[in-house]
């Protein structure tokens, strides 16, 4: 269904709902209980038709395959992960070097925080 067709049906549904709500209120205000009941039944019929239509359209919709990243984006992501891994390794090297210097100076290491 195209956007224009979908918009057409949505506008039609809003007008249908408005006419039946207004008609039910007006008919009830004029003392015509049977006429108001017909409008309420038409509202219920329209709502149930919409629910059935949505269920059928959801059942017919094929499952889309998982999205694939383009090769350029996948390569960029791989390079980013590699860069992060390199930086983490450098941080680890710096910590090991600092611990080695502390051990040579005879300093006590700072207390470890509990998590």
PDB file of N, CA and C in Angstrom:
ATOM      1  N   UNK A   1       0.850  -1.160   0.000  1.00  0.00           N
ATOM      2  CA  UNK A   1       0.000   0.000   0.000  1.00  0.00           C
ATOM      3  C   UNK A   1       0.904   1.233   0.000  1.00  0.00           C
ATOM      4  N   UNK A   2       0.588   2.155  -0.868  1.00  0.00           N
ATOM      5  CA  UNK A   2       1.401   3.366  -0.962  1.00  0.00           C
ATOM      6  C   UNK A   2       1.040   4.328   0.162  1.00  0.00           C
ATOM      7  N   UNK A   3       1.874   5.333   0.324  1.00  0.00           N
ATOM      8  CA  UNK A   3       1.619   6.318   1.374  1.00  0.00           C
ATOM      9  C   UNK A   3       0.312   7.065   1.138  1.00  0.00           C
ATOM     10  N   UNK A   4       0.066   7.407  -0.129  1.00  0.00           N
ATOM     11  CA  UNK A   4      -1.140   8.163  -0.450  1.00  0.00           C
ATOM     12  C   UNK A   4      -2.383   7.327  -0.139  1.00  0.00           C
ATOM     13  N   UNK A   5      -2.369   6.044  -0.472  1.00  0.00           N
ATOM     14  CA  UNK A   5      -3.502   5.172  -0.195  1.00  0.00           C
ATOM     15  C   UNK A   5      -3.680   4.997   1.304  1.00  0.00           C
ATOM     16  N   UNK A   6      -2.579   4.826   2.010  1.00  0.00           N
ATOM     17  CA  UNK A   6      -2.642   4.676   3.460  1.00  0.00           C
ATOM     18  C   UNK A   6      -3.221   5.934   4.109  1.00  0.00           C
ATOM     19  N   UNK A   7      -2.800   7.087   3.632  1.00  0.00           N
ATOM     20  CA  UNK A   7      -3.330   8.342   4.156  1.00  0.00           C
ATOM     21  C   UNK A   7      -4.824   8.455   3.879  1.00  0.00           C
ATOM     22  N   UNK A   8      -5.235   8.053   2.689  1.00  0.00           N
ATOM     23  CA  UNK A   8      -6.650   8.083   2.322  1.00  0.00           C
ATOM     24  C   UNK A   8      -7.478   7.242   3.290  1.00  0.00           C
ATOM     25  N   UNK A   9      -7.028   6.031   3.588  1.00  0.00           N
ATOM     26  CA  UNK A   9      -7.775   5.150   4.479  1.00  0.00           C
ATOM     27  C   UNK A   9      -7.782   5.674   5.915  1.00  0.00           C
ATOM     28  N   UNK A  10      -6.683   6.271   6.329  1.00  0.00           N
ATOM     29  CA  UNK A  10      -6.639   6.823   7.694  1.00  0.00           C
ATOM     30  C   UNK A  10      -7.597   8.001   7.836  1.00  0.00           C
ATOM     31  N   UNK A  11      -7.617   8.879   6.842  1.00  0.00           N
ATOM     32  CA  UNK A  11      -8.540  10.017   6.875  1.00  0.00           C
ATOM     33  C   UNK A  11      -9.980   9.510   6.861  1.00  0.00           C
ATOM     34  N   UNK A  12     -10.237   8.516   6.039  1.00  0.00           N
ATOM     35  CA  UNK A  12     -11.579   7.929   5.992  1.00  0.00           C
ATOM     36  C   UNK A  12     -11.984   7.323   7.327  1.00  0.00           C
ATOM     37  N   UNK A  13     -11.054   6.670   8.003  1.00  0.00           N
ATOM     38  CA  UNK A  13     -11.360   6.068   9.300  1.00  0.00           C
ATOM     39  C   UNK A  13     -11.648   7.142  10.350  1.00  0.00           C
ATOM     40  N   UNK A  14     -10.907   8.236  10.299  1.00  0.00           N
ATOM     41  CA  UNK A  14     -11.151   9.324  11.252  1.00  0.00           C
ATOM     42  C   UNK A  14     -12.527   9.941  11.002  1.00  0.00           C
ATOM     43  N   UNK A  15     -12.865  10.164   9.738  1.00  0.00           N
ATOM     44  CA  UNK A  15     -14.184  10.740   9.416  1.00  0.00           C
ATOM     45  C   UNK A  15     -15.298   9.777   9.839  1.00  0.00           C
ATOM     46  N   UNK A  16     -15.123   8.483   9.566  1.00  0.00           N
ATOM     47  CA  UNK A  16     -16.106   7.466   9.951  1.00  0.00           C
ATOM     48  C   UNK A  16     -16.332   7.480  11.462  1.00  0.00           C
ATOM     49  N   UNK A  17     -15.233   7.530  12.210  1.00  0.00           N
ATOM     50  CA  UNK A  17     -15.333   7.540  13.667  1.00  0.00           C
ATOM     51  C   UNK A  17     -16.018   8.813  14.156  1.00  0.00           C
ATOM     52  N   UNK A  18     -15.609   9.950  13.618  1.00  0.00           N
ATOM     53  CA  UNK A  18     -16.199  11.222  14.035  1.00  0.00           C
ATOM     54  C   UNK A  18     -17.703  11.258  13.755  1.00  0.00           C
ATOM     55  N   UNK A  19     -18.095  10.830  12.556  1.00  0.00           N
ATOM     56  CA  UNK A  19     -19.517  10.856  12.187  1.00  0.00           C
ATOM     57  C   UNK A  19     -20.328   9.972  13.123  1.00  0.00           C
ATOM     58  N   UNK A  20     -19.808   8.794  13.462  1.00  0.00           N
ATOM     59  CA  UNK A  20     -20.576   7.888  14.315  1.00  0.00           C
ATOM     60  C   UNK A  20     -20.613   8.349  15.765  1.00  0.00           C
ATOM     61  N   UNK A  21     -19.530   8.922  16.261  1.00  0.00           N
ATOM     62  CA  UNK A  21     -19.556   9.449  17.631  1.00  0.00           C
ATOM     63  C   UNK A  21     -20.509  10.636  17.705  1.00  0.00           C
ATOM     64  N   UNK A  22     -20.360  11.565  16.763  1.00  0.00           N
ATOM     65  CA  UNK A  22     -21.233  12.742  16.769  1.00  0.00           C
ATOM     66  C   UNK A  22     -22.686  12.334  16.545  1.00  0.00           C
ATOM     67  N   UNK A  23     -22.906  11.387  15.656  1.00  0.00           N
ATOM     68  CA  UNK A  23     -24.271  10.921  15.394  1.00  0.00           C
ATOM     69  C   UNK A  23     -24.888  10.261  16.612  1.00  0.00           C
ATOM     70  N   UNK A  24     -24.086   9.472  17.344  1.00  0.00           N
ATOM     71  CA  UNK A  24     -24.610   8.815  18.544  1.00  0.00           C
ATOM     72  C   UNK A  24     -24.963   9.851  19.609  1.00  0.00           C
ATOM     73  N   UNK A  25     -24.103  10.830  19.794  1.00  0.00           N
ATOM     74  CA  UNK A  25     -24.367  11.869  20.799  1.00  0.00           C
ATOM     75  C   UNK A  25     -25.607  12.678  20.406  1.00  0.00           C
ATOM     76  N   UNK A  26     -25.668  13.056  19.134  1.00  0.00           N
ATOM     77  CA  UNK A  26     -26.798  13.870  18.669  1.00  0.00           C
ATOM     78  C   UNK A  26     -28.109  13.087  18.772  1.00  0.00           C
ATOM     79  N   UNK A  27     -28.074  11.822  18.336  1.00  0.00           N
ATOM     80  CA  UNK A  27     -29.297  11.012  18.378  1.00  0.00           C
ATOM     81  C   UNK A  27     -29.749  10.799  19.819  1.00  0.00           C
ATOM     82  N   UNK A  28     -28.811  10.570  20.719  1.00  0.00           N
ATOM     83  CA  UNK A  28     -29.176  10.391  22.127  1.00  0.00           C
ATOM     84  C   UNK A  28     -29.746  11.677  22.712  1.00  0.00           C
ATOM     85  N   UNK A  29     -29.146  12.822  22.330  1.00  0.00           N
ATOM     86  CA  UNK A  29     -29.638  14.113  22.824  1.00  0.00           C
ATOM     87  C   UNK A  29     -31.041  14.405  22.306  1.00  0.00           C
ATOM     88  N   UNK A  30     -31.372  13.919  21.124  1.00  0.00           N
ATOM     89  CA  UNK A  30     -32.689  14.148  20.541  1.00  0.00           C
ATOM     90  C   UNK A  30     -33.709  13.124  21.034  1.00  0.00           C
ATOM     91  N   UNK A  31     -33.273  12.182  21.882  1.00  0.00           N
ATOM     92  CA  UNK A  31     -34.202  11.199  22.438  1.00  0.00           C
ATOM     93  C   UNK A  31     -34.404   9.989  21.539  1.00  0.00           C
ATOM     94  N   UNK A  32     -33.546   9.776  20.581  1.00  0.00           N
ATOM     95  CA  UNK A  32     -33.668   8.635  19.677  1.00  0.00           C
ATOM     96  C   UNK A  32     -32.655   7.563  20.090  1.00  0.00           C
ATOM     97  N   UNK A  33     -33.038   6.765  21.067  1.00  0.00           N
ATOM     98  CA  UNK A  33     -32.137   5.764  21.636  1.00  0.00           C
ATOM     99  C   UNK A  33     -31.754   4.697  20.609  1.00  0.00           C
ATOM    100  N   UNK A  34     -32.703   4.276  19.775  1.00  0.00           N
ATOM    101  CA  UNK A  34     -32.393   3.247  18.780  1.00  0.00           C
ATOM    102  C   UNK A  34     -31.397   3.775  17.746  1.00  0.00           C
ATOM    103  N   UNK A  35     -31.562   5.000  17.340  1.00  0.00           N
ATOM    104  CA  UNK A  35     -30.657   5.611  16.377  1.00  0.00           C
ATOM    105  C   UNK A  35     -29.248   5.716  16.982  1.00  0.00           C
ATOM    106  N   UNK A  36     -29.171   6.121  18.264  1.00  0.00           N
ATOM    107  CA  UNK A  36     -27.877   6.212  18.940  1.00  0.00           C
ATOM    108  C   UNK A  36     -27.233   4.833  19.048  1.00  0.00           C
ATOM    109  N   UNK A  37     -28.053   3.808  19.298  1.00  0.00           N
ATOM    110  CA  UNK A  37     -27.535   2.439  19.404  1.00  0.00           C
ATOM    111  C   UNK A  37     -26.945   1.977  18.070  1.00  0.00           C
ATOM    112  N   UNK A  38     -27.568   2.337  16.983  1.00  0.00           N
ATOM    113  CA  UNK A  38     -27.046   1.980  15.661  1.00  0.00           C
ATOM    114  C   UNK A  38     -25.662   2.607  15.457  1.00  0.00           C
ATOM    115  N   UNK A  39     -25.499   3.856  15.853  1.00  0.00           N
ATOM    116  CA  UNK A  39     -24.193   4.510  15.710  1.00  0.00           C
ATOM    117  C   UNK A  39     -23.131   3.824  16.575  1.00  0.00           C
ATOM    118  N   UNK A  40     -23.506   3.433  17.789  1.00  0.00           N
ATOM    119  CA  UNK A  40     -22.566   2.738  18.671  1.00  0.00           C
ATOM    120  C   UNK A  40     -22.188   1.388  18.068  1.00  0.00           C
ATOM    121  N   UNK A  41     -23.160   0.686  17.510  1.00  0.00           N
ATOM    122  CA  UNK A  41     -22.866  -0.603  16.863  1.00  0.00           C
ATOM    123  C   UNK A  41     -21.966  -0.408  15.641  1.00  0.00           C
ATOM    124  N   UNK A  42     -22.168   0.650  14.883  1.00  0.00           N
ATOM    125  CA  UNK A  42     -21.298   0.932  13.747  1.00  0.00           C
ATOM    126  C   UNK A  42     -19.870   1.244  14.208  1.00  0.00           C
ATOM    127  N   UNK A  43     -19.739   1.941  15.333  1.00  0.00           N
ATOM    128  CA  UNK A  43     -18.410   2.194  15.898  1.00  0.00           C
ATOM    129  C   UNK A  43     -17.725   0.883  16.277  1.00  0.00           C
ATOM    130  N   UNK A  44     -18.461  -0.004  16.929  1.00  0.00           N
ATOM    131  CA  UNK A  44     -17.902  -1.302  17.324  1.00  0.00           C
ATOM    132  C   UNK A  44     -17.531  -2.122  16.099  1.00  0.00           C
ATOM    133  N   UNK A  45     -18.381  -2.081  15.068  1.00  0.00           N
ATOM    134  CA  UNK A  45     -18.086  -2.804  13.834  1.00  0.00           C
ATOM    135  C   UNK A  45     -16.821  -2.257  13.172  1.00  0.00           C
ATOM    136  N   UNK A  46     -16.685  -0.947  13.129  1.00  0.00           N
ATOM    137  CA  UNK A  46     -15.494  -0.342  12.538  1.00  0.00           C
ATOM    138  C   UNK A  46     -14.238  -0.672  13.316  1.00  0.00           C
ATOM    139  N   UNK A  47     -14.320  -0.647  14.645  1.00  0.00           N
ATOM    140  CA  UNK A  47     -13.161  -0.964  15.473  1.00  0.00           C
ATOM    141  C   UNK A  47     -12.750  -2.412  15.308  1.00  0.00           C
ATOM    142  N   UNK A  48     -13.715  -3.322  15.279  1.00  0.00           N
ATOM    143  CA  UNK A  48     -13.362  -4.737  15.115  1.00  0.00           C
ATOM    144  C   UNK A  48     -12.824  -5.005  13.711  1.00  0.00           C
ATOM    145  N   UNK A  49     -13.334  -4.320  12.704  1.00  0.00           N
ATOM    146  CA  UNK A  49     -12.797  -4.486  11.348  1.00  0.00           C
ATOM    147  C   UNK A  49     -11.349  -4.008  11.286  1.00  0.00           C
ATOM    148  N   UNK A  50     -11.052  -2.910  11.973  1.00  0.00           N
ATOM    149  CA  UNK A  50      -9.677  -2.408  12.008  1.00  0.00           C
ATOM    150  C   UNK A  50      -8.744  -3.406  12.692  1.00  0.00           C
ATOM    151  N   UNK A  51      -9.177  -3.952  13.814  1.00  0.00           N
ATOM    152  CA  UNK A  51      -8.342  -4.920  14.534  1.00  0.00           C
ATOM    153  C   UNK A  51      -8.089  -6.159  13.669  1.00  0.00           C
ATOM    154  N   UNK A  52      -9.111  -6.660  13.015  1.00  0.00           N
ATOM    155  CA  UNK A  52      -8.946  -7.833  12.146  1.00  0.00           C
ATOM    156  C   UNK A  52      -8.017  -7.506  10.989  1.00  0.00           C
ATOM    157  N   UNK A  53      -8.179  -6.341  10.376  1.00  0.00           N
ATOM    158  CA  UNK A  53      -7.311  -5.937   9.266  1.00  0.00           C
ATOM    159  C   UNK A  53      -5.850  -5.879   9.706  1.00  0.00           C
ATOM    160  N   UNK A  54      -5.593  -5.304  10.910  1.00  0.00           N
ATOM    161  CA  UNK A  54      -4.218  -5.213  11.415  1.00  0.00           C
ATOM    162  C   UNK A  54      -3.633  -6.603  11.670  1.00  0.00           C
ATOM    163  N   UNK A  55      -4.420  -7.497  12.243  1.00  0.00           N
ATOM    164  CA  UNK A  55      -3.934  -8.848  12.515  1.00  0.00           C
ATOM    165  C   UNK A  55      -3.593  -9.584  11.222  1.00  0.00           C
ATOM    166  N   UNK A  56      -4.445  -9.440  10.209  1.00  0.00           N
ATOM    167  CA  UNK A  56      -4.190 -10.100   8.932  1.00  0.00           C
ATOM    168  C   UNK A  56      -2.952  -9.522   8.258  1.00  0.00           C
ATOM    169  N   UNK A  57      -2.818  -8.195   8.286  1.00  0.00           N
ATOM    170  CA  UNK A  57      -1.661  -7.585   7.635  1.00  0.00           C
ATOM    171  C   UNK A  57      -0.366  -7.945   8.358  1.00  0.00           C
ATOM    172  N   UNK A  58      -0.423  -8.091   9.687  1.00  0.00           N
ATOM    173  CA  UNK A  58       0.778  -8.495  10.425  1.00  0.00           C
ATOM    174  C   UNK A  58       1.129  -9.946  10.130  1.00  0.00           C
ATOM    175  N   UNK A  59       0.128 -10.796   9.934  1.00  0.00           N
ATOM    176  CA  UNK A  59       0.385 -12.199   9.645  1.00  0.00           C
ATOM    177  C   UNK A  59       0.963 -12.378   8.243  1.00  0.00           C
ATOM    178  N   UNK A  60       0.571 -11.535   7.303  1.00  0.00           N
ATOM    179  CA  UNK A  60       1.060 -11.640   5.924  1.00  0.00           C
ATOM    180  C   UNK A  60       2.452 -11.053   5.741  1.00  0.00           C
ATOM    181  N   UNK A  61       2.856 -10.161   6.631  1.00  0.00           N
ATOM    182  CA  UNK A  61       4.145  -9.476   6.483  1.00  0.00           C
ATOM    183  C   UNK A  61       5.278 -10.479   6.663  1.00  0.00           C
ATOM    184  N   UNK A  62       6.133 -10.617   5.657  1.00  0.00           N
ATOM    185  CA  UNK A  62       7.242 -11.575   5.793  1.00  0.00           C
ATOM    186  C   UNK A  62       8.291 -11.032   6.764  1.00  0.00           C
ATOM    187  N   UNK A  63       8.953 -11.965   7.426  1.00  0.00           N
ATOM    188  CA  UNK A  63      10.030 -11.566   8.328  1.00  0.00           C
ATOM    189  C   UNK A  63      11.193 -11.068   7.494  1.00  0.00           C
ATOM    190  N   UNK A  64      11.670  -9.881   7.839  1.00  0.00           N
ATOM    191  CA  UNK A  64      12.783  -9.320   7.077  1.00  0.00           C
ATOM    192  C   UNK A  64      14.087  -9.936   7.561  1.00  0.00           C
ATOM    193  N   UNK A  65      15.011 -10.161   6.642  1.00  0.00           N
ATOM    194  CA  UNK A  65      16.297 -10.728   7.055  1.00  0.00           C
ATOM    195  C   UNK A  65      17.075  -9.705   7.882  1.00  0.00           C
ATOM    196  N   UNK A  66      17.996 -10.183   8.718  1.00  0.00           N
ATOM    197  CA  UNK A  66      18.762  -9.229   9.524  1.00  0.00           C
ATOM    198  C   UNK A  66      19.558  -8.291   8.631  1.00  0.00           C
ATOM    199  N   UNK A  67      19.640  -7.050   9.060  1.00  0.00           N
ATOM    200  CA  UNK A  67      20.322  -6.029   8.269  1.00  0.00           C
ATOM    201  C   UNK A  67      21.819  -6.331   8.198  1.00  0.00           C
ATOM    202  N   UNK A  68      22.376  -6.147   7.026  1.00  0.00           N
ATOM    203  CA  UNK A  68      23.802  -6.356   6.814  1.00  0.00           C
ATOM    204  C   UNK A  68      24.479  -5.001   6.730  1.00  0.00           C
ATOM    205  N   UNK A  69      25.593  -4.863   7.405  1.00  0.00           N
ATOM    206  CA  UNK A  69      26.358  -3.625   7.306  1.00  0.00           C
ATOM    207  C   UNK A  69      27.136  -3.620   5.998  1.00  0.00           C
ATOM    208  N   UNK A  70      27.223  -2.486   5.344  1.00  0.00           N
ATOM    209  CA  UNK A  70      28.067  -2.406   4.149  1.00  0.00           C
ATOM    210  C   UNK A  70      29.518  -2.693   4.526  1.00  0.00           C
ATOM    211  N   UNK A  71      30.290  -3.176   3.551  1.00  0.00           N
ATOM    212  CA  UNK A  71      31.669  -3.556   3.815  1.00  0.00           C
ATOM    213  C   UNK A  71      32.493  -2.397   4.352  1.00  0.00           C
ATOM    214  N   UNK A  72      32.260  -1.184   3.851  1.00  0.00           N
ATOM    215  CA  UNK A  72      33.045  -0.043   4.322  1.00  0.00           C
ATOM    216  C   UNK A  72      32.756   0.241   5.801  1.00  0.00           C
ATOM    217  N   UNK A  73      31.524   0.121   6.202  1.00  0.00           N
ATOM    218  CA  UNK A  73      31.180   0.356   7.610  1.00  0.00           C
ATOM    219  C   UNK A  73      31.722  -0.761   8.487  1.00  0.00           C
ATOM    220  N   UNK A  74      31.684  -1.974   7.977  1.00  0.00           N
ATOM    221  CA  UNK A  74      32.212  -3.103   8.733  1.00  0.00           C
ATOM    222  C   UNK A  74      33.720  -2.960   8.923  1.00  0.00           C
ATOM    223  N   UNK A  75      34.423  -2.522   7.876  1.00  0.00           N
ATOM    224  CA  UNK A  75      35.867  -2.296   7.977  1.00  0.00           C
ATOM    225  C   UNK A  75      36.164  -1.188   8.980  1.00  0.00           C
ATOM    226  N   UNK A  76      35.388  -0.119   8.941  1.00  0.00           N
ATOM    227  CA  UNK A  76      35.578   0.993   9.869  1.00  0.00           C
ATOM    228  C   UNK A  76      35.367   0.530  11.309  1.00  0.00           C
ATOM    229  N   UNK A  77      34.346  -0.281  11.521  1.00  0.00           N
ATOM    230  CA  UNK A  77      34.068  -0.805  12.850  1.00  0.00           C
ATOM    231  C   UNK A  77      35.215  -1.688  13.330  1.00  0.00           C
ATOM    232  N   UNK A  78      35.742  -2.508  12.446  1.00  0.00           N
ATOM    233  CA  UNK A  78      36.863  -3.382  12.803  1.00  0.00           C
ATOM    234  C   UNK A  78      38.092  -2.555  13.169  1.00  0.00           C
ATOM    235  N   UNK A  79      38.366  -1.507  12.414  1.00  0.00           N
ATOM    236  CA  UNK A  79      39.511  -0.641  12.721  1.00  0.00           C
ATOM    237  C   UNK A  79      39.319   0.051  14.069  1.00  0.00           C
ATOM    238  N   UNK A  80      38.099   0.461  14.369  1.00  0.00           N
ATOM    239  CA  UNK A  80      37.820   1.110  15.653  1.00  0.00           C
ATOM    240  C   UNK A  80      38.050   0.151  16.812  1.00  0.00           C
ATOM    241  N   UNK A  81      37.601  -1.074  16.670  1.00  0.00           N
ATOM    242  CA  UNK A  81      37.791  -2.075  17.723  1.00  0.00           C
ATOM    243  C   UNK A  81      39.277  -2.366  17.902  1.00  0.00           C
ATOM    244  N   UNK A  82      40.021  -2.449  16.805  1.00  0.00           N
ATOM    245  CA  UNK A  82      41.462  -2.680  16.893  1.00  0.00           C
ATOM    246  C   UNK A  82      42.164  -1.521  17.598  1.00  0.00           C
ATOM    247  N   UNK A  83      41.749  -0.292  17.311  1.00  0.00           N
ATOM    248  CA  UNK A  83      42.361   0.881  17.948  1.00  0.00           C
ATOM    249  C   UNK A  83      42.089   0.886  19.447  1.00  0.00           C
ATOM    250  N   UNK A  84      40.864   0.528  19.846  1.00  0.00           N
ATOM    251  CA  UNK A  84      40.532   0.471  21.269  1.00  0.00           C
ATOM    252  C   UNK A  84      41.357  -0.609  21.958  1.00  0.00           C
ATOM    253  N   UNK A  85      41.501  -1.764  21.316  1.00  0.00           N
ATOM    254  CA  UNK A  85      42.297  -2.849  21.896  1.00  0.00           C
ATOM    255  C   UNK A  85      43.749  -2.424  22.078  1.00  0.00           C
ATOM    256  N   UNK A  86      44.297  -1.705  21.117  1.00  0.00           N
ATOM    257  CA  UNK A  86      45.671  -1.215  21.211  1.00  0.00           C
ATOM    258  C   UNK A  86      45.829  -0.250  22.377  1.00  0.00           C
ATOM    259  N   UNK A  87      44.868   0.668  22.547  1.00  0.00           N
ATOM    260  CA  UNK A  87      44.936   1.621  23.655  1.00  0.00           C
ATOM    261  C   UNK A  87      44.822   0.923  25.006  1.00  0.00           C
ATOM    262  N   UNK A  88      43.969  -0.081  25.101  1.00  0.00           N
ATOM    263  CA  UNK A  88      43.839  -0.836  26.353  1.00  0.00           C
ATOM    264  C   UNK A  88      45.150  -1.540  26.665  1.00  0.00           C
ATOM    265  N   UNK A  89      45.810  -2.095  25.666  1.00  0.00           N
ATOM    266  CA  UNK A  89      47.108  -2.746  25.858  1.00  0.00           C
ATOM    267  C   UNK A  89      48.153  -1.740  26.331  1.00  0.00           C
ATOM    268  N   UNK A  90      48.143  -0.540  25.781  1.00  0.00           N
ATOM    269  CA  UNK A  90      49.083   0.494  26.209  1.00  0.00           C
ATOM    270  C   UNK A  90      48.844   0.888  27.662  1.00  0.00           C
ATOM    271  N   UNK A  91      47.592   0.990  28.063  1.00  0.00           N
ATOM    272  CA  UNK A  91      47.273   1.321  29.457  1.00  0.00           C
ATOM    273  C   UNK A  91      47.796   0.218  30.386  1.00  0.00           C
ATOM    274  N   UNK A  92      47.602  -1.029  29.981  1.00  0.00           N
ATOM    275  CA  UNK A  92      48.107  -2.148  30.778  1.00  0.00           C
ATOM    276  C   UNK A  92      49.627  -2.111  30.907  1.00  0.00           C
ATOM    277  N   UNK A  93      50.316  -1.796  29.802  1.00  0.00           N
ATOM    278  CA  UNK A  93      51.783  -1.684  29.835  1.00  0.00           C
ATOM    279  C   UNK A  93      52.218  -0.585  30.788  1.00  0.00           C
ATOM    280  N   UNK A  94      51.528   0.560  30.767  1.00  0.00           N
ATOM    281  CA  UNK A  94      51.875   1.673  31.652  1.00  0.00           C
ATOM    282  C   UNK A  94      51.678   1.276  33.112  1.00  0.00           C
ATOM    283  N   UNK A  95      50.623   0.553  33.405  1.00  0.00           N
ATOM    284  CA  UNK A  95      50.388   0.122  34.783  1.00  0.00           C
ATOM    285  C   UNK A  95      51.461  -0.858  35.241  1.00  0.00           C
ATOM    286  N   UNK A  96      51.827  -1.787  34.373  1.00  0.00           N
ATOM    287  CA  UNK A  96      52.894  -2.731  34.728  1.00  0.00           C
ATOM    288  C   UNK A  96      54.213  -1.997  34.967  1.00  0.00           C
ATOM    289  N   UNK A  97      54.512  -1.006  34.134  1.00  0.00           N
ATOM    290  CA  UNK A  97      55.747  -0.239  34.285  1.00  0.00           C
ATOM    291  C   UNK A  97      55.746   0.525  35.606  1.00  0.00           C
ATOM    292  N   UNK A  98      54.612   1.151  35.949  1.00  0.00           N
ATOM    293  CA  UNK A  98      54.522   1.881  37.217  1.00  0.00           C
ATOM    294  C   UNK A  98      54.699   0.953  38.414  1.00  0.00           C
ATOM    295  N   UNK A  99      54.105  -0.238  38.357  1.00  0.00           N
ATOM    296  CA  UNK A  99      54.256  -1.201  39.441  1.00  0.00           C
ATOM    297  C   UNK A  99      55.716  -1.649  39.570  1.00  0.00           C
ATOM    298  N   UNK A 100      56.392  -1.812  38.447  1.00  0.00           N
ATOM    299  CA  UNK A 100      57.800  -2.208  38.458  1.00  0.00           C
ATOM    300  C   UNK A 100      58.640  -1.113  39.119  1.00  0.00           C
ATOM    301  N   UNK A 101      58.378   0.162  38.767  1.00  0.00           N
ATOM    302  CA  UNK A 101      59.110   1.268  39.389  1.00  0.00           C
ATOM    303  C   UNK A 101      58.846   1.344  40.888  1.00  0.00           C
ATOM    304  N   UNK A 102      57.608   1.146  41.304  1.00  0.00           N
ATOM    305  CA  UNK A 102      57.274   1.176  42.731  1.00  0.00           C
ATOM    306  C   UNK A 102      58.008   0.061  43.477  1.00  0.00           C
ATOM    307  N   UNK A 103      58.041  -1.106  42.846  1.00  0.00           N
ATOM    308  CA  UNK A 103      58.726  -2.228  43.486  1.00  0.00           C
ATOM    309  C   UNK A 103      60.214  -1.935  43.636  1.00  0.00           C
ATOM    310  N   UNK A 104      60.823  -1.292  42.647  1.00  0.00           N
ATOM    311  CA  UNK A 104      62.248  -0.961  42.724  1.00  0.00           C
ATOM    312  C   UNK A 104      62.513   0.075  43.812  1.00  0.00           C
ATOM    313  N   UNK A 105      61.597   1.014  44.004  1.00  0.00           N
ATOM    314  CA  UNK A 105      61.773   2.064  45.016  1.00  0.00           C
ATOM    315  C   UNK A 105      61.382   1.574  46.406  1.00  0.00           C
ATOM    316  N   UNK A 106      60.703   0.469  46.469  1.00  0.00           N
ATOM    317  CA  UNK A 106      60.283  -0.057  47.761  1.00  0.00           C
ATOM    318  C   UNK A 106      59.012   0.579  48.284  1.00  0.00           C
ATOM    319  N   UNK A 107      58.246   1.230  47.448  1.00  0.00           N
ATOM    320  CA  UNK A 107      56.980   1.827  47.864  1.00  0.00           C
ATOM    321  C   UNK A 107      55.923   0.757  48.006  1.00  0.00           C
ATOM    322  N   UNK A 108      54.970   1.031  48.861  1.00  0.00           N
ATOM    323  CA  UNK A 108      53.838   0.099  48.967  1.00  0.00           C
ATOM    324  C   UNK A 108      52.771   0.507  47.938  1.00  0.00           C
ATOM    325  N   UNK A 109      52.162  -0.462  47.319  1.00  0.00           N
ATOM    326  CA  UNK A 109      51.132  -0.119  46.323  1.00  0.00           C
ATOM    327  C   UNK A 109      49.906   0.484  47.013  1.00  0.00           C
ATOM    328  N   UNK A 110      49.158   1.316  46.294  1.00  0.00           N
ATOM    329  CA  UNK A 110      47.935   1.887  46.885  1.00  0.00           C
ATOM    330  C   UNK A 110      46.930   0.785  47.159  1.00  0.00           C
ATOM    331  N   UNK A 111      46.078   0.974  48.176  1.00  0.00           N
ATOM    332  CA  UNK A 111      45.080  -0.065  48.481  1.00  0.00           C
ATOM    333  C   UNK A 111      44.088  -0.212  47.319  1.00  0.00           C
ATOM    334  N   UNK A 112      43.687  -1.454  47.111  1.00  0.00           N
ATOM    335  CA  UNK A 112      42.711  -1.733  46.030  1.00  0.00           C
ATOM    336  C   UNK A 112      41.309  -1.442  46.538  1.00  0.00           C
ATOM    337  N   UNK A 113      40.501  -0.879  45.672  1.00  0.00           N
ATOM    338  CA  UNK A 113      39.108  -0.559  46.017  1.00  0.00           C
ATOM    339  C   UNK A 113      38.253  -1.794  45.838  1.00  0.00           C
ATOM    340  N   UNK A 114      37.332  -2.013  46.774  1.00  0.00           N
ATOM    341  CA  UNK A 114      36.380  -3.125  46.654  1.00  0.00           C
ATOM    342  C   UNK A 114      35.224  -2.693  45.787  1.00  0.00           C
ATOM    343  N   UNK A 115      34.763  -3.588  44.960  1.00  0.00           N
ATOM    344  CA  UNK A 115      33.644  -3.240  44.067  1.00  0.00           C
ATOM    345  C   UNK A 115      32.391  -3.856  44.516  1.00  0.00           C
TER     346      UNK A 115
END
